[in-house]
Amino acid sequence: MSSRVTGATVVRVLQQLRRDPRTLGLIFVVPPALITLFRYVFEGDVATFNRIGGLMIGIFPFSSMFVVTSIAMLRERTTGTLERLMTMPLAKADILFGYGIAFAGVAALQASITATVAFELLGLHVAGTPLVVVGLAVANAVLGMSLGLLASAFAKTEFQAVQFMPAVVFPQLLLCGLLVPRTHMAHVLDVISYALPLTWSVDALSHAVRGGGNGIIIRDAIVVVGVTLSALALAATTLRRRTP
């Protein structure tokens, strides 16, 4: 890997994003708008918002970054940009980690904005430390980014990239313990949930919202970081020198 090439890729990706207002809106406007909507859905039950709102700070950025990064990377392939880059003396890791760093920065900003809106404007209150919740939300957004980059390698059209949303994200939302405690699920589903990265993210956020359980939070965060790096590494191995 070359830090110069990786840095050049980061700059190019960020410049492309700056010229795409619709994508910027999806990244920076939609998650805060959703958490705001979520707050007023529970207008008469602030306790429920305080209990679940901290989890939503991580869920919304995770979902939106998955969609944005999978489509953005696919566009690079289908428009021939990636193919031209691959004909140059560049390492696959330079290209993919350049994308990863660029979108990780965007994901961190997105999660921070969403958390700021929730805590400062909507009055979200958690028993734990808000900074820990924000940090885990950023990790969750970066996780969604890395899985989106990996998923883009298996799609040939933008429609197929969007189809990975119900295939990859929705099962994790159902099994991560967000809707129903995993101990109340069928045993086989509880076992499967351990293999899903969002399970560990939600578990860490749950402990951060309630306060305490620092050891569990650190363990879960390590798992999330490990999955993120593994997804980026796998995505690098799937880059092809020809666009589909």
Foldseek 3Di string as FASTA:
>chain_A
DDPVLLQVLLVVVVVVVVVDVVLVCLQAPVLLVVLVVVLVVVVVPLVVCLQQVLVSLQLSLLLSLLLSLLLVLLCCQVVCVLLVVVVDPDALLSNLVSSLVNQLVSLLVRSVNSLCCCVPVSPRAFPADSVLSSVLSSLSNSLSNLNSLLLSLVDQDSVVSVVVSCVQPVLLVVLLCSVHRNVPDDPVSSVVNVVRLVNLSSVLSNCRRHDDPPVSNVVSSVVSVVSSVVSSVNSSVSDDSHRD
